Protein backbone atom coordinates (compact mmCIF):
# COMPACT_ATOMS: atom_id res chain seq x y z
CA MET A 1 0.00 0.00 0.00
CA ARG A 2 1.36 3.41 -1.00
CA GLN A 3 2.22 5.62 1.93
CA VAL A 4 0.36 8.91 2.19
CA ARG A 5 2.22 11.64 0.32
CA LEU A 6 1.78 15.39 0.57
CA TRP A 7 2.83 15.89 -3.06
CA PRO A 8 1.09 14.84 -6.30
CA GLU A 9 1.22 11.16 -7.18
CA GLU A 10 2.46 12.12 -10.64
CA LEU A 11 5.71 13.37 -9.11
CA ASP A 12 6.39 9.85 -7.87
CA TYR A 13 5.25 8.18 -11.09
CA TYR A 14 7.33 10.21 -13.54
CA SER A 15 10.33 10.38 -11.22
CA ALA A 16 10.37 6.58 -11.02
CA LEU A 17 10.07 6.29 -14.83
CA ILE A 18 13.08 8.55 -15.23
CA GLY A 19 15.07 6.85 -12.48
CA ARG A 20 14.59 3.38 -13.96
CA ASN A 21 16.04 4.49 -17.31
CA ARG A 22 19.84 4.58 -17.04
CA ALA A 23 20.04 6.49 -20.31
CA LEU A 24 18.33 9.39 -18.50
CA THR A 25 19.95 9.24 -15.09
CA GLN A 26 22.02 6.89 -12.97
CA GLY A 27 21.68 5.88 -9.32
CA PRO A 28 21.12 8.88 -7.03
CA GLY A 29 21.94 11.34 -9.82
CA GLY A 30 19.35 13.71 -11.23
CA ASN A 31 16.43 15.28 -9.41
CA THR A 32 12.83 16.34 -9.91
CA SER A 33 10.49 18.74 -8.16
CA PHE A 34 6.98 20.12 -7.95
CA LYS A 35 6.13 23.58 -6.68
CA SER A 36 2.93 25.17 -5.45
CA GLY A 37 3.35 28.82 -4.57
CA ASP A 38 6.50 29.20 -2.48
CA LEU A 39 6.49 25.51 -1.45
CA ILE A 40 8.64 23.09 -3.44
CA TRP A 41 8.83 19.33 -3.08
CA VAL A 42 12.30 18.33 -4.27
CA LYS A 43 14.16 15.03 -4.26
CA ALA A 44 16.22 14.58 -1.12
CA SER A 45 19.99 14.18 -1.33
CA GLY A 46 21.23 10.59 -1.48
CA PHE A 47 17.97 9.10 -2.78
CA SER A 48 17.36 7.57 -6.21
CA LEU A 49 14.51 8.66 -8.46
CA ALA A 50 13.84 4.99 -9.25
CA ASP A 51 12.58 4.51 -5.66
CA ALA A 52 9.98 7.30 -5.82
CA GLU A 53 6.98 4.96 -5.90
CA THR A 54 8.18 2.70 -3.08
CA ILE A 55 9.53 5.10 -0.48
CA PRO A 56 9.13 8.84 0.17
CA ILE A 57 12.12 10.56 -1.44
CA PHE A 58 10.94 14.18 -1.49
CA CYS A 59 11.31 16.89 1.10
CA PRO A 60 9.69 20.34 1.30
CA ILE A 61 11.67 23.54 0.82
CA ASN A 62 10.91 27.22 0.46
CA LYS A 63 12.01 29.15 -2.62
CA THR A 64 13.79 31.74 -0.50
CA ASN A 65 15.95 29.22 1.37
CA PRO A 66 16.04 26.05 -0.74
CA THR A 67 18.92 24.28 0.99
CA VAL A 68 16.96 23.77 4.22
CA SER A 69 14.15 21.24 4.56
CA LEU A 70 10.92 22.49 6.11
CA ALA A 71 10.18 19.02 7.47
CA ASP A 72 11.33 17.74 10.82
CA SER A 73 13.37 14.88 9.42
CA LYS A 74 16.94 13.89 8.58
CA MET A 75 16.27 14.21 4.85
CA ARG A 76 18.25 16.99 3.21
CA PRO A 77 17.23 18.70 -0.04
CA SER A 78 19.19 17.93 -3.19
CA ILE A 79 22.34 20.03 -3.49
CA GLU A 80 20.79 21.29 -6.72
CA SER A 81 17.71 22.69 -5.00
CA TYR A 82 18.60 26.22 -6.15
CA LEU A 83 18.11 25.07 -9.73
CA HIS A 84 14.53 24.10 -8.86
CA ALA A 85 13.89 27.25 -6.87
CA TYR A 86 14.87 29.66 -9.65
CA VAL A 87 12.72 27.96 -12.30
CA PRO A 88 9.20 29.45 -11.93
CA HIS A 89 7.36 26.53 -13.55
CA PRO A 90 5.56 23.93 -11.39
CA VAL A 91 7.45 20.90 -12.77
CA VAL A 92 11.24 20.69 -13.07
CA ILE A 93 13.26 17.67 -14.27
CA HIS A 94 17.05 17.62 -14.13
CA VAL A 95 18.99 14.60 -15.39
CA HIS A 96 22.46 13.46 -16.42
CA SER A 97 21.36 11.79 -19.64
CA VAL A 98 23.44 10.18 -22.38
CA GLY A 99 22.29 12.61 -25.05
CA SER A 100 22.69 15.79 -23.02
CA ILE A 101 26.12 14.83 -21.70
CA SER A 102 27.21 13.89 -25.23
CA LEU A 103 26.53 17.50 -26.25
CA ALA A 104 27.66 19.06 -22.99
CA ILE A 105 31.22 17.69 -23.15
CA ARG A 106 31.85 19.12 -26.62
CA LYS A 107 34.01 22.22 -26.84
CA ARG A 108 31.87 23.51 -29.72
CA LEU A 109 28.51 22.51 -31.12
CA THR A 110 27.89 22.03 -34.82
CA LYS A 111 25.11 23.88 -36.64
CA ARG A 112 23.02 20.71 -36.72
CA GLN A 113 23.43 20.25 -32.96
CA VAL A 114 22.50 23.89 -32.32
CA THR A 115 19.44 23.42 -34.53
CA ILE A 116 18.25 20.58 -32.27
CA MET A 117 18.51 22.91 -29.28
CA GLU A 118 16.68 25.73 -31.05
CA ARG A 119 13.96 23.40 -32.33
CA ASN A 120 13.33 22.19 -28.79
CA ARG A 121 13.59 25.66 -27.23
CA LEU A 122 16.67 24.86 -25.16
CA GLY A 123 18.90 27.50 -23.67
CA TYR A 124 22.60 26.98 -23.00
CA VAL A 125 24.46 27.51 -19.72
CA GLY A 126 28.25 27.44 -19.54
CA TYR A 127 29.68 25.32 -16.76
CA LEU A 128 28.84 26.46 -13.25
CA LYS A 129 29.10 24.42 -10.07
CA PRO A 130 25.72 23.10 -8.94
CA GLY A 131 24.32 25.67 -6.53
CA GLU A 132 22.97 29.20 -6.32
CA ASN A 133 24.90 30.73 -9.23
CA LEU A 134 23.72 27.99 -11.58
CA GLY A 135 20.14 28.44 -10.40
CA LYS A 136 20.33 32.21 -10.89
CA LYS A 137 21.73 31.80 -14.40
CA ILE A 138 18.88 29.51 -15.41
CA GLY A 139 16.39 31.94 -13.90
CA GLN A 140 17.91 34.75 -15.97
CA LEU A 141 17.62 32.67 -19.14
CA ILE A 142 13.91 32.16 -18.50
CA GLN A 143 13.38 35.88 -17.88
CA GLN A 144 15.09 36.66 -21.19
CA ASP A 145 13.07 34.08 -23.13
CA ARG A 146 9.79 32.85 -21.69
CA GLN A 147 9.42 30.38 -24.58
CA LEU A 148 12.28 28.19 -23.37
CA GLN A 149 11.34 24.75 -22.07
CA GLY A 150 14.77 23.76 -20.82
CA ALA A 151 18.51 24.30 -20.89
CA LEU A 152 21.64 22.30 -21.71
CA LEU A 153 24.14 22.55 -18.84
CA LYS A 154 27.78 22.48 -19.93
CA ASN A 155 29.66 19.42 -18.58
CA HIS A 156 26.64 18.49 -16.52
CA GLY A 157 23.37 17.48 -18.19
CA ILE A 158 19.99 18.99 -18.94
CA VAL A 159 17.06 20.59 -17.15
CA VAL A 160 13.53 20.80 -18.55
CA TRP A 161 10.45 22.43 -17.08
CA GLY A 162 6.76 22.79 -17.71
CA GLU A 163 3.28 23.23 -16.33
CA GLU A 164 2.52 19.49 -16.21
CA PHE A 165 4.50 16.34 -15.48
CA LYS A 166 3.50 14.55 -18.67
CA THR A 167 4.48 17.37 -21.02
CA ALA A 168 7.84 17.96 -19.31
CA TYR A 169 8.67 14.24 -19.35
CA GLU A 170 7.67 13.84 -23.01
CA ALA A 171 9.72 16.91 -23.95
CA LEU A 172 12.75 15.33 -22.29
CA LEU A 173 12.26 12.09 -24.24
CA ILE A 174 11.91 13.93 -27.55
CA ILE A 175 15.07 15.96 -26.93
CA GLU A 176 17.05 12.85 -26.00
CA GLU A 177 15.78 10.93 -29.02
CA GLN A 178 16.76 13.72 -31.41
CA ILE A 179 20.22 14.17 -29.90
CA CYS A 180 20.94 10.44 -29.92
CA LYS A 181 19.72 10.12 -33.52
CA GLU A 182 21.96 12.99 -34.64
CA LEU A 183 24.99 11.56 -32.82
CA GLU A 184 24.16 7.95 -33.76
CA VAL A 185 24.01 6.82 -30.14
CA ASP A 186 22.41 3.46 -29.33
CA VAL A 187 21.55 3.46 -25.63
CA SER A 188 20.74 -0.25 -25.76
CA THR A 189 24.41 -1.12 -26.29
CA SER A 190 27.15 -1.79 -23.77
CA VAL A 191 30.63 -0.25 -23.73
CA SER A 192 33.95 -2.04 -23.96
CA ARG A 193 36.86 -1.96 -21.54
CA GLU A 194 38.70 0.10 -24.14
CA ASP A 195 35.83 2.62 -24.17
CA ILE A 196 35.99 2.89 -20.39
CA ASN A 197 39.77 3.28 -20.38
CA CYS A 198 39.42 6.24 -22.75
CA LEU A 199 37.75 8.20 -19.94
CA SER A 200 41.08 8.60 -18.17
CA LYS A 201 42.52 10.49 -21.16
CA PHE A 202 40.24 13.48 -20.76
CA GLY A 203 40.20 14.32 -17.06
CA PHE A 204 36.80 14.69 -15.44
CA LEU A 205 33.84 15.27 -17.75
CA THR A 206 31.09 16.04 -15.21
CA PRO A 207 30.68 16.79 -11.49
CA ASP A 208 29.69 13.18 -10.73
CA HIS A 209 32.71 11.93 -12.68
CA ALA A 210 34.94 14.00 -10.39
CA VAL A 211 33.35 13.54 -6.98
CA PHE A 212 32.79 9.78 -7.34
CA SER A 213 36.14 9.05 -9.02
CA SER A 214 37.19 6.84 -6.09
CA LEU A 215 34.29 4.49 -6.87
CA ILE A 216 35.00 4.32 -10.60
CA GLY A 217 37.19 1.30 -11.27
CA SER A 218 36.90 0.04 -7.71
CA LYS A 219 37.11 -3.76 -7.48
CA ASP A 220 35.34 -3.86 -4.14
CA LEU A 221 32.05 -2.05 -4.75
CA GLN A 222 29.38 -2.41 -2.11
CA PRO A 223 25.95 -3.45 -3.50
CA ARG A 224 24.56 0.00 -2.71
CA ASN A 225 27.20 1.56 -4.97
CA LEU A 226 26.73 -0.59 -8.07
CA TRP A 227 24.98 2.37 -9.73
CA ILE A 228 28.42 3.84 -10.43
CA GLU A 229 28.73 1.28 -13.25
CA ASP A 230 25.83 3.02 -14.99
CA VAL A 231 27.58 6.39 -14.58
CA VAL A 232 30.69 4.94 -16.25
CA TRP A 233 28.56 3.44 -19.04
CA CYS A 234 26.88 6.81 -19.66
CA LEU A 235 30.16 8.76 -19.75
CA ALA A 236 31.93 6.21 -21.95
CA LEU A 237 28.99 6.10 -24.38
CA ALA A 238 28.92 9.92 -24.55
CA LEU A 239 32.66 10.04 -25.20
CA LYS A 240 32.28 7.57 -28.09
CA THR A 241 30.17 10.14 -29.95
CA ILE A 242 33.12 12.53 -30.29
CA ARG A 243 34.46 12.50 -33.85
CA GLU A 244 38.09 13.02 -34.84
CA ASP A 245 37.36 16.59 -35.91
CA GLU A 246 35.69 17.47 -32.59
CA ASP A 247 37.23 18.43 -29.27
CA VAL A 248 36.29 17.35 -25.76
CA GLU A 249 36.11 19.93 -23.00
CA SER A 250 36.59 18.62 -19.47
CA LEU A 251 36.21 20.33 -16.11
CA SER A 252 39.14 22.57 -15.26
CA LYS A 253 41.45 21.80 -12.35
CA GLU A 254 39.91 24.72 -10.48
CA ASP A 255 36.37 23.44 -11.13
CA VAL A 256 37.29 20.01 -9.75
CA GLU A 257 38.97 21.42 -6.65
CA ASP A 258 35.95 23.63 -6.02
CA LEU A 259 33.66 20.59 -6.17
CA LEU A 260 35.83 18.38 -3.96
CA ASN A 261 36.15 21.07 -1.30
CA TRP A 262 32.45 21.94 -1.26
CA ASP A 263 30.82 21.10 2.09
CA LEU A 264 27.45 20.22 0.53
CA GLU A 265 29.11 17.87 -1.95
CA ARG A 266 31.05 16.11 0.79
CA GLU A 267 27.80 15.63 2.71
CA ARG A 268 26.07 14.21 -0.38
CA GLN A 269 28.86 11.68 -0.84
CA ARG A 270 28.69 10.72 2.82
CA ILE A 271 24.94 10.08 2.57
CA GLN A 272 25.22 8.03 -0.64
CA ARG A 273 28.02 5.83 0.61
């Protein structure tokens, strides 16, 4: 029997759909939210979207102070809660998907790739550490163009928003399908050991790649950390889309140090391990 929730059932349903699809997000990565007025229900740090229908994974926050849960519990809001707070739409979906990361790690986008973004009304945000500055930047994009339905986040992933769960989810699927078709990505395939070894040639491609680097390649993974294999699969598959005439752009040394020394990031890792 489903436990009583204070948020819409659709938030659980679509979050679980997303979480069960490793091409969209992996393990505890990615987050979703629903807002009503100043109240936002956002995924709690350390929880997986795939579990949304079986256990409560959302905690309430206020738009003015999104890093603090309004509930009397040990659940802490996602470290990306600012992203959800600065988007004015009721439904927000943020994922680390194969298609979006494939675009986000490119130093430059081709005209055809830019056309996909324009067709789907996607903005573009240069790399910023997850947190308030990233949230503000996305909020500014929306103020500048109210027709946008999402944004590609450099070296990070994608965020989409909307008035309803179904429309936001379907928009995400359409965007991913078009990107993967353009880049000839087959998300039903596996990656080889050679593909995985190529990751080490380019530094860290995303925040999760950097902060969970100690788990990647570990020969003694605990069952609760097996999701890291899906992260590696996603990154290796994205890297395979880079052609000889294209350049990869990784996180800078300063970006990585900033992530690793961030108190909220350290707490997220502690919770997930």
